[in-house]
Amino acid sequence: MQDKGGLMAKQDPGSHIPDAPAPAGSGERVLVVDDDESVRNVLGRFVQRFGHRVTTAGTDKAALAAMEAEPFACVVLDIDLGG
């Protein structure tokens, strides 16, 4: 095991975790907010794979407008938005 900034990581280059079907979500609304379009798209697709309905926003203003328009069960937020 190797210490990774307080986290222990087991190094096993020969191991492989097979792809497993994503568990079905219950369709909760999730807001993904990131100013990097490629990150926003990847995160949005990832969350959708778990059965959630995703709305994306690229700015803080767009995120606030989305939250005023509808409720969200979860917000995935870039902590360095616009920075």
Protein backbone atom coordinates (compact mmCIF):
# COMPACT_ATOMS: atom_id res chain seq x y z
CA MET A 1 0.00 0.00 0.00
CA GLN A 2 1.12 3.52 -0.70
CA ASP A 3 0.09 6.69 1.17
CA LYS A 4 -1.64 9.15 -1.18
CA GLY A 5 -2.06 12.30 0.91
CA GLY A 6 -3.66 10.53 3.83
CA LEU A 7 -5.37 7.87 1.71
CA MET A 8 -4.02 4.38 1.39
CA ALA A 9 -4.02 3.00 -2.12
CA LYS A 10 -3.24 -0.61 -2.96
CA GLN A 11 -1.17 -0.83 -6.11
CA ASP A 12 -1.93 -3.86 -8.22
CA PRO A 13 -1.25 -3.13 -11.89
CA GLY A 14 -2.57 -6.54 -12.92
CA SER A 15 -6.01 -6.12 -11.40
CA HIS A 16 -9.02 -5.18 -13.45
CA ILE A 17 -12.49 -4.26 -12.26
CA PRO A 18 -14.99 -5.48 -14.83
CA ASP A 19 -17.75 -3.17 -16.00
CA ALA A 20 -20.94 -3.85 -14.12
CA PRO A 21 -24.41 -2.59 -14.95
CA ALA A 22 -25.18 0.65 -13.17
CA PRO A 23 -27.83 0.35 -10.47
CA ALA A 24 -31.16 1.90 -11.33
CA GLY A 25 -31.84 5.23 -9.64
CA SER A 26 -35.27 6.55 -8.90
CA GLY A 27 -35.11 9.45 -11.34
CA GLU A 28 -34.06 12.09 -8.83
CA ARG A 29 -33.16 15.47 -10.33
CA VAL A 30 -29.44 16.25 -10.16
CA LEU A 31 -27.84 19.57 -11.11
CA VAL A 32 -24.27 19.38 -12.44
CA VAL A 33 -22.45 22.74 -12.39
CA ASP A 34 -19.03 23.16 -13.99
CA ASP A 35 -17.56 25.86 -16.21
CA ASP A 36 -15.56 23.28 -18.18
CA GLU A 37 -17.97 21.93 -20.79
CA SER A 38 -16.19 18.59 -21.21
CA VAL A 39 -16.20 17.94 -17.44
CA ARG A 40 -19.85 19.02 -17.23
CA ASN A 41 -20.81 16.62 -20.03
CA VAL A 42 -18.88 13.66 -18.62
CA LEU A 43 -20.30 14.17 -15.12
CA GLY A 44 -23.81 14.57 -16.53
CA ARG A 45 -23.58 11.32 -18.51
CA PHE A 46 -22.10 9.53 -15.50
CA VAL A 47 -24.95 10.60 -13.23
CA GLN A 48 -27.53 9.68 -15.92
CA ARG A 49 -26.11 6.15 -16.02
CA PHE A 50 -27.37 5.75 -12.47
CA GLY A 51 -30.94 6.54 -13.50
CA HIS A 52 -31.10 10.19 -12.48
CA ARG A 53 -32.48 13.12 -14.46
CA VAL A 54 -29.68 15.62 -15.06
CA THR A 55 -29.68 19.36 -15.67
CA THR A 56 -26.34 21.04 -16.38
CA ALA A 57 -25.18 24.61 -15.89
CA GLY A 58 -21.93 26.30 -16.90
CA THR A 59 -22.11 29.37 -14.68
CA ASP A 60 -23.20 30.30 -11.19
CA LYS A 61 -26.03 32.43 -12.61
CA ALA A 62 -27.29 29.55 -14.76
CA ALA A 63 -27.16 27.23 -11.73
CA LEU A 64 -29.17 29.67 -9.60
CA ALA A 65 -31.74 30.06 -12.37
CA ALA A 66 -32.07 26.28 -12.65
CA MET A 67 -32.53 25.94 -8.88
CA GLU A 68 -35.20 28.64 -8.89
CA ALA A 69 -37.04 26.84 -11.68
CA GLU A 70 -37.16 23.38 -10.10
CA PRO A 71 -36.03 21.45 -7.03
CA PHE A 72 -32.97 19.18 -7.11
CA ALA A 73 -32.17 16.23 -4.89
CA CYS A 74 -28.44 16.86 -5.35
CA VAL A 75 -26.06 19.45 -6.79
CA VAL A 76 -22.62 18.45 -8.08
CA LEU A 77 -20.66 21.70 -7.97
CA ASP A 78 -17.22 22.70 -9.22
CA ILE A 79 -15.69 24.32 -6.12
CA ASP A 80 -13.42 26.44 -8.32
CA LEU A 81 -16.23 27.68 -10.58
CA GLY A 82 -15.09 30.53 -12.78
CA GLY A 83 -11.73 30.61 -11.06
